[in-house]
Each structure stands twice: as structure tokens, then as C-alpha cells.
Amino acid sequence: REKEGEKEREKGKKKKNMAAASSSVRTTMQIYRDLYRVARHLGAKQGGNGPVLCNMVKETFRKHMHEDDPERIEELRQDGIRLITNYMGLEAMEKSPDPTTKL
């Protein structure tokens, strides 16, 4: 019975680990999609650079696809989030009616 209880605990741990992994994969996918959208948008604004920028996003993600160091993965994720946040801030400043905030 003790072995059965131990097996059940192990199954529970595996499920928690899989849920955590699935959560991080989803977050990474969301960042990828956001960066891809930003690349398409920037490409359209810059006169047709969209495919080139989208390719850069794709290649960067492919390059780090097999990264297994959790600290490095988090660092890469934070870099992507920072890029999206900076872009959104610049867009907001450009659209701002306040002339002191425009670039």
C-alpha cells in the first residue's frame, strides 16, 4: 500500500510539473505571437519590411527552441516582454494629443 501511495504522489507531482510546463509554453507562445504581430505592424509602417522582421522573430525563437536552462528561458521571455512593452509605449506616445509627449 505504501508503494501505491508513493506512486499516486509521483503522479500528482508529474501532473503539477506538466501543468507548469504547459503554462510556460503558453506564455512563450503568447509572447511569440505578440512579437510576430509587432513585426508585421512595424513592417507595414516601414514600407514592406514585414516579412523580414517576421523572419527575424521566427529565427530568434527557433535558435532558442531547445534552451533548457530555466534562468535563461526567463531572461529571454523578459527580453521579449520588454520589447513589446517598449513598442507599445512608443506607439502611445506617437498617438498622444499632448505635444510634449510626442517624439
PDB file of N, CA and C in Angstrom:
ATOM      1  N   ARG A   1       0.813  -1.203   0.000  1.00  0.00           N
ATOM      2  CA  ARG A   1       0.000   0.000   0.000  1.00  0.00           C
ATOM      3  C   ARG A   1       0.848   1.255   0.000  1.00  0.00           C
ATOM      4  N   GLU A   2       1.965   1.187   0.719  1.00  0.00           N
ATOM      5  CA  GLU A   2       2.843   2.341   0.746  1.00  0.00           C
ATOM      6  C   GLU A   2       3.368   2.653  -0.652  1.00  0.00           C
ATOM      7  N   LYS A   3       3.668   1.595  -1.420  1.00  0.00           N
ATOM      8  CA  LYS A   3       4.159   1.795  -2.779  1.00  0.00           C
ATOM      9  C   LYS A   3       3.084   2.440  -3.651  1.00  0.00           C
ATOM     10  N   GLU A   4       1.830   2.021  -3.458  1.00  0.00           N
ATOM     11  CA  GLU A   4       0.733   2.600  -4.220  1.00  0.00           C
ATOM     12  C   GLU A   4       0.573   4.081  -3.883  1.00  0.00           C
ATOM     13  N   GLY A   5       0.659   4.405  -2.598  1.00  0.00           N
ATOM     14  CA  GLY A   5       0.564   5.804  -2.170  1.00  0.00           C
ATOM     15  C   GLY A   5       1.698   6.630  -2.748  1.00  0.00           C
ATOM     16  N   GLU A   6       2.874   6.045  -2.780  1.00  0.00           N
ATOM     17  CA  GLU A   6       4.039   6.731  -3.335  1.00  0.00           C
ATOM     18  C   GLU A   6       3.854   6.974  -4.830  1.00  0.00           C
ATOM     19  N   LYS A   7       3.305   5.967  -5.528  1.00  0.00           N
ATOM     20  CA  LYS A   7       3.054   6.110  -6.964  1.00  0.00           C
ATOM     21  C   LYS A   7       2.039   7.219  -7.214  1.00  0.00           C
ATOM     22  N   GLU A   8       1.008   7.294  -6.402  1.00  0.00           N
ATOM     23  CA  GLU A   8      -0.010   8.342  -6.551  1.00  0.00           C
ATOM     24  C   GLU A   8       0.605   9.729  -6.338  1.00  0.00           C
ATOM     25  N   ARG A   9       1.480   9.838  -5.334  1.00  0.00           N
ATOM     26  CA  ARG A   9       2.145  11.128  -5.086  1.00  0.00           C
ATOM     27  C   ARG A   9       3.018  11.518  -6.276  1.00  0.00           C
ATOM     28  N   GLU A  10       3.713  10.535  -6.844  1.00  0.00           N
ATOM     29  CA  GLU A  10       4.559  10.798  -8.011  1.00  0.00           C
ATOM     30  C   GLU A  10       3.714  11.267  -9.194  1.00  0.00           C
ATOM     31  N   LYS A  11       2.555  10.614  -9.394  1.00  0.00           N
ATOM     32  CA  LYS A  11       1.658  11.021 -10.477  1.00  0.00           C
ATOM     33  C   LYS A  11       1.191  12.453 -10.272  1.00  0.00           C
ATOM     34  N   GLY A  12       0.869  12.791  -9.028  1.00  0.00           N
ATOM     35  CA  GLY A  12       0.438  14.153  -8.713  1.00  0.00           C
ATOM     36  C   GLY A  12       1.532  15.162  -9.010  1.00  0.00           C
ATOM     37  N   LYS A  13       2.765  14.823  -8.665  1.00  0.00           N
ATOM     38  CA  LYS A  13       3.895  15.716  -8.943  1.00  0.00           C
ATOM     39  C   LYS A  13       4.083  15.895 -10.441  1.00  0.00           C
ATOM     40  N   LYS A  14       3.965  14.789 -11.196  1.00  0.00           N
ATOM     41  CA  LYS A  14       4.130  14.873 -12.646  1.00  0.00           C
ATOM     42  C   LYS A  14       3.060  15.765 -13.258  1.00  0.00           C
ATOM     43  N   LYS A  15       1.822  15.625 -12.774  1.00  0.00           N
ATOM     44  CA  LYS A  15       0.737  16.453 -13.304  1.00  0.00           C
ATOM     45  C   LYS A  15       1.004  17.926 -13.021  1.00  0.00           C
ATOM     46  N   LYS A  16       1.484  18.243 -11.814  1.00  0.00           N
ATOM     47  CA  LYS A  16       1.798  19.628 -11.475  1.00  0.00           C
ATOM     48  C   LYS A  16       2.916  20.154 -12.361  1.00  0.00           C
ATOM     49  N   ASN A  17       3.947  19.344 -12.579  1.00  0.00           N
ATOM     50  CA  ASN A  17       5.057  19.758 -13.431  1.00  0.00           C
ATOM     51  C   ASN A  17       4.604  19.973 -14.868  1.00  0.00           C
ATOM     52  N   MET A  18       3.722  19.075 -15.358  1.00  0.00           N
ATOM     53  CA  MET A  18       3.211  19.219 -16.713  1.00  0.00           C
ATOM     54  C   MET A  18       2.360  20.467 -16.837  1.00  0.00           C
ATOM     55  N   ALA A  19       1.569  20.765 -15.810  1.00  0.00           N
ATOM     56  CA  ALA A  19       0.741  21.972 -15.834  1.00  0.00           C
ATOM     57  C   ALA A  19       1.619  23.207 -15.849  1.00  0.00           C
ATOM     58  N   ALA A  20       2.682  23.190 -15.059  1.00  0.00           N
ATOM     59  CA  ALA A  20       3.603  24.331 -15.032  1.00  0.00           C
ATOM     60  C   ALA A  20       4.286  24.483 -16.386  1.00  0.00           C
ATOM     61  N   ALA A  21       4.706  23.376 -16.975  1.00  0.00           N
ATOM     62  CA  ALA A  21       5.355  23.429 -18.283  1.00  0.00           C
ATOM     63  C   ALA A  21       4.384  23.925 -19.337  1.00  0.00           C
ATOM     64  N   SER A  22       3.166  23.440 -19.299  1.00  0.00           N
ATOM     65  CA  SER A  22       2.169  23.871 -20.272  1.00  0.00           C
ATOM     66  C   SER A  22       1.875  25.352 -20.108  1.00  0.00           C
ATOM     67  N   SER A  23       1.872  25.825 -18.882  1.00  0.00           N
ATOM     68  CA  SER A  23       1.640  27.244 -18.618  1.00  0.00           C
ATOM     69  C   SER A  23       2.769  28.083 -19.201  1.00  0.00           C
ATOM     70  N   SER A  24       4.022  27.650 -19.003  1.00  0.00           N
ATOM     71  CA  SER A  24       5.148  28.420 -19.516  1.00  0.00           C
ATOM     72  C   SER A  24       5.200  28.365 -21.035  1.00  0.00           C
ATOM     73  N   VAL A  25       4.818  27.237 -21.623  1.00  0.00           N
ATOM     74  CA  VAL A  25       4.785  27.140 -23.075  1.00  0.00           C
ATOM     75  C   VAL A  25       3.740  28.088 -23.626  1.00  0.00           C
ATOM     76  N   ARG A  26       2.591  28.137 -22.999  1.00  0.00           N
ATOM     77  CA  ARG A  26       1.541  29.038 -23.460  1.00  0.00           C
ATOM     78  C   ARG A  26       2.015  30.485 -23.366  1.00  0.00           C
ATOM     79  N   THR A  27       2.673  30.837 -22.287  1.00  0.00           N
ATOM     80  CA  THR A  27       3.174  32.191 -22.123  1.00  0.00           C
ATOM     81  C   THR A  27       4.208  32.504 -23.201  1.00  0.00           C
ATOM     82  N   THR A  28       5.083  31.566 -23.463  1.00  0.00           N
ATOM     83  CA  THR A  28       6.076  31.765 -24.506  1.00  0.00           C
ATOM     84  C   THR A  28       5.403  31.917 -25.859  1.00  0.00           C
ATOM     85  N   MET A  29       4.391  31.114 -26.115  1.00  0.00           N
ATOM     86  CA  MET A  29       3.654  31.228 -27.376  1.00  0.00           C
ATOM     87  C   MET A  29       2.952  32.572 -27.488  1.00  0.00           C
ATOM     88  N   GLN A  30       2.404  33.064 -26.406  1.00  0.00           N
ATOM     89  CA  GLN A  30       1.754  34.369 -26.441  1.00  0.00           C
ATOM     90  C   GLN A  30       2.764  35.462 -26.771  1.00  0.00           C
ATOM     91  N   ILE A  31       3.940  35.371 -26.167  1.00  0.00           N
ATOM     92  CA  ILE A  31       4.983  36.353 -26.446  1.00  0.00           C
ATOM     93  C   ILE A  31       5.397  36.262 -27.914  1.00  0.00           C
ATOM     94  N   TYR A  32       5.564  35.049 -28.407  1.00  0.00           N
ATOM     95  CA  TYR A  32       5.923  34.852 -29.816  1.00  0.00           C
ATOM     96  C   TYR A  32       4.877  35.497 -30.725  1.00  0.00           C
ATOM     97  N   ARG A  33       3.626  35.230 -30.456  1.00  0.00           N
ATOM     98  CA  ARG A  33       2.558  35.790 -31.288  1.00  0.00           C
ATOM     99  C   ARG A  33       2.529  37.306 -31.214  1.00  0.00           C
ATOM    100  N   ASP A  34       2.716  37.850 -30.016  1.00  0.00           N
ATOM    101  CA  ASP A  34       2.736  39.308 -29.869  1.00  0.00           C
ATOM    102  C   ASP A  34       3.906  39.918 -30.641  1.00  0.00           C
ATOM    103  N   LEU A  35       5.083  39.309 -30.516  1.00  0.00           N
ATOM    104  CA  LEU A  35       6.242  39.817 -31.239  1.00  0.00           C
ATOM    105  C   LEU A  35       6.043  39.707 -32.750  1.00  0.00           C
ATOM    106  N   TYR A  36       5.417  38.642 -33.168  1.00  0.00           N
ATOM    107  CA  TYR A  36       5.142  38.448 -34.594  1.00  0.00           C
ATOM    108  C   TYR A  36       4.187  39.533 -35.096  1.00  0.00           C
ATOM    109  N   ARG A  37       3.153  39.836 -34.307  1.00  0.00           N
ATOM    110  CA  ARG A  37       2.214  40.907 -34.673  1.00  0.00           C
ATOM    111  C   ARG A  37       2.926  42.254 -34.736  1.00  0.00           C
ATOM    112  N   VAL A  38       3.771  42.527 -33.747  1.00  0.00           N
ATOM    113  CA  VAL A  38       4.522  43.787 -33.732  1.00  0.00           C
ATOM    114  C   VAL A  38       5.405  43.869 -34.975  1.00  0.00           C
ATOM    115  N   ALA A  39       6.060  42.770 -35.329  1.00  0.00           N
ATOM    116  CA  ALA A  39       6.923  42.761 -36.513  1.00  0.00           C
ATOM    117  C   ALA A  39       6.113  43.049 -37.778  1.00  0.00           C
ATOM    118  N   ARG A  40       4.942  42.430 -37.893  1.00  0.00           N
ATOM    119  CA  ARG A  40       4.085  42.691 -39.065  1.00  0.00           C
ATOM    120  C   ARG A  40       3.648  44.146 -39.108  1.00  0.00           C
ATOM    121  N   HIS A  41       3.265  44.674 -37.948  1.00  0.00           N
ATOM    122  CA  HIS A  41       2.808  46.061 -37.879  1.00  0.00           C
ATOM    123  C   HIS A  41       3.942  47.028 -38.224  1.00  0.00           C
ATOM    124  N   LEU A  42       5.104  46.807 -37.639  1.00  0.00           N
ATOM    125  CA  LEU A  42       6.254  47.667 -37.943  1.00  0.00           C
ATOM    126  C   LEU A  42       6.629  47.568 -39.416  1.00  0.00           C
ATOM    127  N   GLY A  43       6.590  46.367 -39.943  1.00  0.00           N
ATOM    128  CA  GLY A  43       6.917  46.169 -41.349  1.00  0.00           C
ATOM    129  C   GLY A  43       5.980  46.935 -42.263  1.00  0.00           C
ATOM    130  N   ALA A  44       4.705  46.939 -41.933  1.00  0.00           N
ATOM    131  CA  ALA A  44       3.732  47.674 -42.738  1.00  0.00           C
ATOM    132  C   ALA A  44       3.978  49.180 -42.632  1.00  0.00           C
ATOM    133  N   LYS A  45       4.347  49.640 -41.435  1.00  0.00           N
ATOM    134  CA  LYS A  45       4.617  51.070 -41.239  1.00  0.00           C
ATOM    135  C   LYS A  45       5.889  51.506 -41.960  1.00  0.00           C
ATOM    136  N   GLN A  46       6.837  50.606 -42.092  1.00  0.00           N
ATOM    137  CA  GLN A  46       8.127  50.961 -42.665  1.00  0.00           C
ATOM    138  C   GLN A  46       8.214  50.629 -44.155  1.00  0.00           C
ATOM    139  N   GLY A  47       7.093  50.372 -44.762  1.00  0.00           N
ATOM    140  CA  GLY A  47       7.085  50.185 -46.202  1.00  0.00           C
ATOM    141  C   GLY A  47       7.443  48.799 -46.701  1.00  0.00           C
ATOM    142  N   GLY A  48       6.930  47.782 -46.076  1.00  0.00           N
ATOM    143  CA  GLY A  48       7.087  46.441 -46.620  1.00  0.00           C
ATOM    144  C   GLY A  48       8.170  45.583 -45.994  1.00  0.00           C
ATOM    145  N   ASN A  49       8.684  45.956 -44.831  1.00  0.00           N
ATOM    146  CA  ASN A  49       9.690  45.147 -44.142  1.00  0.00           C
ATOM    147  C   ASN A  49       9.086  43.991 -43.362  1.00  0.00           C
ATOM    148  N   GLY A  50       7.789  43.845 -43.386  1.00  0.00           N
ATOM    149  CA  GLY A  50       7.096  42.849 -42.575  1.00  0.00           C
ATOM    150  C   GLY A  50       7.671  41.456 -42.657  1.00  0.00           C
ATOM    151  N   PRO A  51       7.823  40.893 -43.861  1.00  0.00           N
ATOM    152  CA  PRO A  51       8.355  39.532 -43.953  1.00  0.00           C
ATOM    153  C   PRO A  51       9.754  39.391 -43.348  1.00  0.00           C
ATOM    154  N   VAL A  52      10.581  40.401 -43.532  1.00  0.00           N
ATOM    155  CA  VAL A  52      11.944  40.344 -42.982  1.00  0.00           C
ATOM    156  C   VAL A  52      11.900  40.348 -41.454  1.00  0.00           C
ATOM    157  N   LEU A  53      11.108  41.249 -40.883  1.00  0.00           N
ATOM    158  CA  LEU A  53      11.004  41.340 -39.428  1.00  0.00           C
ATOM    159  C   LEU A  53      10.377  40.078 -38.842  1.00  0.00           C
ATOM    160  N   CYS A  54       9.344  39.561 -39.486  1.00  0.00           N
ATOM    161  CA  CYS A  54       8.704  38.329 -39.015  1.00  0.00           C
ATOM    162  C   CYS A  54       9.684  37.163 -39.058  1.00  0.00           C
ATOM    163  N   ASN A  55      10.493  37.122 -40.091  1.00  0.00           N
ATOM    164  CA  ASN A  55      11.506  36.074 -40.207  1.00  0.00           C
ATOM    165  C   ASN A  55      12.521  36.176 -39.071  1.00  0.00           C
ATOM    166  N   MET A  56      12.884  37.393 -38.700  1.00  0.00           N
ATOM    167  CA  MET A  56      13.823  37.587 -37.595  1.00  0.00           C
ATOM    168  C   MET A  56      13.233  37.047 -36.294  1.00  0.00           C
ATOM    169  N   VAL A  57      11.947  37.322 -36.059  1.00  0.00           N
ATOM    170  CA  VAL A  57      11.283  36.813 -34.851  1.00  0.00           C
ATOM    171  C   VAL A  57      11.293  35.294 -34.867  1.00  0.00           C
ATOM    172  N   LYS A  58      10.909  34.709 -36.001  1.00  0.00           N
ATOM    173  CA  LYS A  58      10.864  33.245 -36.135  1.00  0.00           C
ATOM    174  C   LYS A  58      12.226  32.620 -35.879  1.00  0.00           C
ATOM    175  N   GLU A  59      13.250  33.172 -36.523  1.00  0.00           N
ATOM    176  CA  GLU A  59      14.596  32.604 -36.393  1.00  0.00           C
ATOM    177  C   GLU A  59      15.124  32.727 -34.968  1.00  0.00           C
ATOM    178  N   THR A  60      14.823  33.831 -34.301  1.00  0.00           N
ATOM    179  CA  THR A  60      15.271  34.005 -32.919  1.00  0.00           C
ATOM    180  C   THR A  60      14.632  32.955 -32.018  1.00  0.00           C
ATOM    181  N   PHE A  61      13.335  32.721 -32.204  1.00  0.00           N
ATOM    182  CA  PHE A  61      12.670  31.704 -31.388  1.00  0.00           C
ATOM    183  C   PHE A  61      13.188  30.307 -31.726  1.00  0.00           C
ATOM    184  N   ARG A  62      13.427  30.037 -32.993  1.00  0.00           N
ATOM    185  CA  ARG A  62      13.957  28.721 -33.372  1.00  0.00           C
ATOM    186  C   ARG A  62      15.353  28.504 -32.792  1.00  0.00           C
ATOM    187  N   LYS A  63      16.149  29.567 -32.786  1.00  0.00           N
ATOM    188  CA  LYS A  63      17.513  29.481 -32.268  1.00  0.00           C
ATOM    189  C   LYS A  63      17.531  29.053 -30.806  1.00  0.00           C
ATOM    190  N   HIS A  64      16.541  29.521 -30.039  1.00  0.00           N
ATOM    191  CA  HIS A  64      16.495  29.230 -28.606  1.00  0.00           C
ATOM    192  C   HIS A  64      15.477  28.155 -28.242  1.00  0.00           C
ATOM    193  N   MET A  65      14.960  27.460 -29.242  1.00  0.00           N
ATOM    194  CA  MET A  65      13.902  26.478 -29.035  1.00  0.00           C
ATOM    195  C   MET A  65      14.288  25.368 -28.059  1.00  0.00           C
ATOM    196  N   HIS A  66      15.525  24.966 -28.047  1.00  0.00           N
ATOM    197  CA  HIS A  66      15.949  23.843 -27.207  1.00  0.00           C
ATOM    198  C   HIS A  66      16.621  24.292 -25.917  1.00  0.00           C
ATOM    199  N   GLU A  67      16.470  25.547 -25.597  1.00  0.00           N
ATOM    200  CA  GLU A  67      17.036  26.071 -24.348  1.00  0.00           C
ATOM    201  C   GLU A  67      16.356  25.373 -23.179  1.00  0.00           C
ATOM    202  N   ASP A  68      17.141  24.860 -22.232  1.00  0.00           N
ATOM    203  CA  ASP A  68      16.533  24.158 -21.107  1.00  0.00           C
ATOM    204  C   ASP A  68      16.921  24.750 -19.755  1.00  0.00           C
ATOM    205  N   ASP A  69      17.728  25.800 -19.767  1.00  0.00           N
ATOM    206  CA  ASP A  69      18.093  26.473 -18.523  1.00  0.00           C
ATOM    207  C   ASP A  69      16.952  27.417 -18.129  1.00  0.00           C
ATOM    208  N   PRO A  70      16.269  27.153 -17.020  1.00  0.00           N
ATOM    209  CA  PRO A  70      15.120  27.976 -16.633  1.00  0.00           C
ATOM    210  C   PRO A  70      15.452  29.464 -16.483  1.00  0.00           C
ATOM    211  N   GLU A  71      16.646  29.767 -15.989  1.00  0.00           N
ATOM    212  CA  GLU A  71      17.031  31.175 -15.843  1.00  0.00           C
ATOM    213  C   GLU A  71      17.185  31.846 -17.202  1.00  0.00           C
ATOM    214  N   ARG A  72      17.801  31.151 -18.135  1.00  0.00           N
ATOM    215  CA  ARG A  72      17.987  31.707 -19.482  1.00  0.00           C
ATOM    216  C   ARG A  72      16.639  31.856 -20.185  1.00  0.00           C
ATOM    217  N   ILE A  73      15.751  30.887 -20.012  1.00  0.00           N
ATOM    218  CA  ILE A  73      14.419  30.974 -20.616  1.00  0.00           C
ATOM    219  C   ILE A  73      13.685  32.191 -20.075  1.00  0.00           C
ATOM    220  N   GLU A  74      13.760  32.387 -18.773  1.00  0.00           N
ATOM    221  CA  GLU A  74      13.092  33.548 -18.169  1.00  0.00           C
ATOM    222  C   GLU A  74      13.703  34.845 -18.672  1.00  0.00           C
ATOM    223  N   GLU A  75      15.006  34.875 -18.828  1.00  0.00           N
ATOM    224  CA  GLU A  75      15.689  36.061 -19.351  1.00  0.00           C
ATOM    225  C   GLU A  75      15.219  36.380 -20.776  1.00  0.00           C
ATOM    226  N   LEU A  76      15.139  35.356 -21.612  1.00  0.00           N
ATOM    227  CA  LEU A  76      14.666  35.544 -22.987  1.00  0.00           C
ATOM    228  C   LEU A  76      13.210  36.010 -23.006  1.00  0.00           C
ATOM    229  N   ARG A  77      12.405  35.415 -22.137  1.00  0.00           N
ATOM    230  CA  ARG A  77      10.999  35.791 -22.047  1.00  0.00           C
ATOM    231  C   ARG A  77      10.866  37.261 -21.636  1.00  0.00           C
ATOM    232  N   GLN A  78      11.653  37.661 -20.644  1.00  0.00           N
ATOM    233  CA  GLN A  78      11.615  39.055 -20.185  1.00  0.00           C
ATOM    234  C   GLN A  78      12.078  40.014 -21.281  1.00  0.00           C
ATOM    235  N   ASP A  79      13.067  39.611 -22.073  1.00  0.00           N
ATOM    236  CA  ASP A  79      13.509  40.441 -23.195  1.00  0.00           C
ATOM    237  C   ASP A  79      12.369  40.660 -24.186  1.00  0.00           C
ATOM    238  N   GLY A  80      11.637  39.597 -24.485  1.00  0.00           N
ATOM    239  CA  GLY A  80      10.501  39.712 -25.402  1.00  0.00           C
ATOM    240  C   GLY A  80       9.416  40.608 -24.848  1.00  0.00           C
ATOM    241  N   ILE A  81       9.112  40.443 -23.572  1.00  0.00           N
ATOM    242  CA  ILE A  81       8.083  41.276 -22.938  1.00  0.00           C
ATOM    243  C   ILE A  81       8.525  42.734 -22.946  1.00  0.00           C
ATOM    244  N   ARG A  82       9.803  42.978 -22.652  1.00  0.00           N
ATOM    245  CA  ARG A  82      10.329  44.348 -22.631  1.00  0.00           C
ATOM    246  C   ARG A  82      10.201  44.986 -24.013  1.00  0.00           C
ATOM    247  N   LEU A  83      10.522  44.224 -25.055  1.00  0.00           N
ATOM    248  CA  LEU A  83      10.424  44.753 -26.406  1.00  0.00           C
ATOM    249  C   LEU A  83       8.987  45.148 -26.736  1.00  0.00           C
ATOM    250  N   ILE A  84       8.041  44.276 -26.405  1.00  0.00           N
ATOM    251  CA  ILE A  84       6.631  44.563 -26.673  1.00  0.00           C
ATOM    252  C   ILE A  84       6.186  45.796 -25.885  1.00  0.00           C
ATOM    253  N   THR A  85       6.573  45.858 -24.621  1.00  0.00           N
ATOM    254  CA  THR A  85       6.188  46.984 -23.766  1.00  0.00           C
ATOM    255  C   THR A  85       6.763  48.293 -24.295  1.00  0.00           C
ATOM    256  N   ASN A  86       8.032  48.277 -24.684  1.00  0.00           N
ATOM    257  CA  ASN A  86       8.648  49.489 -25.233  1.00  0.00           C
ATOM    258  C   ASN A  86       7.946  49.938 -26.500  1.00  0.00           C
ATOM    259  N   TYR A  87       7.623  48.982 -27.359  1.00  0.00           N
ATOM    260  CA  TYR A  87       6.930  49.324 -28.600  1.00  0.00           C
ATOM    261  C   TYR A  87       5.570  49.938 -28.312  1.00  0.00           C
ATOM    262  N   MET A  88       4.838  49.339 -27.381  1.00  0.00           N
ATOM    263  CA  MET A  88       3.510  49.869 -27.055  1.00  0.00           C
ATOM    264  C   MET A  88       3.621  51.272 -26.464  1.00  0.00           C
ATOM    265  N   GLY A  89       4.646  51.525 -25.653  1.00  0.00           N
ATOM    266  CA  GLY A  89       4.862  52.852 -25.094  1.00  0.00           C
ATOM    267  C   GLY A  89       5.161  53.872 -26.176  1.00  0.00           C
ATOM    268  N   LEU A  90       5.986  53.500 -27.141  1.00  0.00           N
ATOM    269  CA  LEU A  90       6.298  54.414 -28.248  1.00  0.00           C
ATOM    270  C   LEU A  90       5.058  54.711 -29.086  1.00  0.00           C
ATOM    271  N   GLU A  91       4.273  53.684 -29.351  1.00  0.00           N
ATOM    272  CA  GLU A  91       3.034  53.882 -30.115  1.00  0.00           C
ATOM    273  C   GLU A  91       2.091  54.824 -29.379  1.00  0.00           C
ATOM    274  N   ALA A  92       1.978  54.660 -28.077  1.00  0.00           N
ATOM    275  CA  ALA A  92       1.097  55.514 -27.280  1.00  0.00           C
ATOM    276  C   ALA A  92       1.593  56.961 -27.310  1.00  0.00           C
ATOM    277  N   MET A  93       2.902  57.134 -27.243  1.00  0.00           N
ATOM    278  CA  MET A  93       3.453  58.491 -27.277  1.00  0.00           C
ATOM    279  C   MET A  93       3.210  59.147 -28.623  1.00  0.00           C
ATOM    280  N   GLU A  94       3.319  58.392 -29.704  1.00  0.00           N
ATOM    281  CA  GLU A  94       3.091  58.944 -31.040  1.00  0.00           C
ATOM    282  C   GLU A  94       1.640  59.370 -31.227  1.00  0.00           C
ATOM    283  N   LYS A  95       0.719  58.646 -30.612  1.00  0.00           N
ATOM    284  CA  LYS A  95      -0.706  58.941 -30.771  1.00  0.00           C
ATOM    285  C   LYS A  95      -1.221  59.946 -29.746  1.00  0.00           C
ATOM    286  N   SER A  96      -0.373  60.337 -28.816  1.00  0.00           N
ATOM    287  CA  SER A  96      -0.785  61.218 -27.739  1.00  0.00           C
ATOM    288  C   SER A  96      -1.121  62.609 -28.275  1.00  0.00           C
ATOM    289  N   PRO A  97      -2.250  63.193 -27.828  1.00  0.00           N
ATOM    290  CA  PRO A  97      -2.592  64.544 -28.255  1.00  0.00           C
ATOM    291  C   PRO A  97      -1.722  65.609 -27.591  1.00  0.00           C
ATOM    292  N   ASP A  98      -1.023  65.253 -26.519  1.00  0.00           N
ATOM    293  CA  ASP A  98      -0.162  66.184 -25.790  1.00  0.00           C
ATOM    294  C   ASP A  98       1.136  66.368 -26.590  1.00  0.00           C
ATOM    295  N   PRO A  99       1.408  67.577 -27.111  1.00  0.00           N
ATOM    296  CA  PRO A  99       2.600  67.788 -27.947  1.00  0.00           C
ATOM    297  C   PRO A  99       3.917  67.590 -27.197  1.00  0.00           C
ATOM    298  N   THR A 100       3.917  67.655 -25.875  1.00  0.00           N
ATOM    299  CA  THR A 100       5.167  67.475 -25.125  1.00  0.00           C
ATOM    300  C   THR A 100       5.580  66.015 -25.044  1.00  0.00           C
ATOM    301  N   THR A 101       4.653  65.098 -25.307  1.00  0.00           N
ATOM    302  CA  THR A 101       4.996  63.680 -25.223  1.00  0.00           C
ATOM    303  C   THR A 101       5.331  63.078 -26.584  1.00  0.00           C
ATOM    304  N   LYS A 102       5.123  63.818 -27.648  1.00  0.00           N
ATOM    305  CA  LYS A 102       5.419  63.276 -28.983  1.00  0.00           C
ATOM    306  C   LYS A 102       6.916  63.269 -29.221  1.00  0.00           C
ATOM    307  N   LEU A 103       7.367  62.295 -29.999  1.00  0.00           N
ATOM    308  CA  LEU A 103       8.797  62.186 -30.316  1.00  0.00           C
ATOM    309  C   LEU A 103       9.156  63.111 -31.439  1.00  0.00           C
TER     310      LEU A 103
END
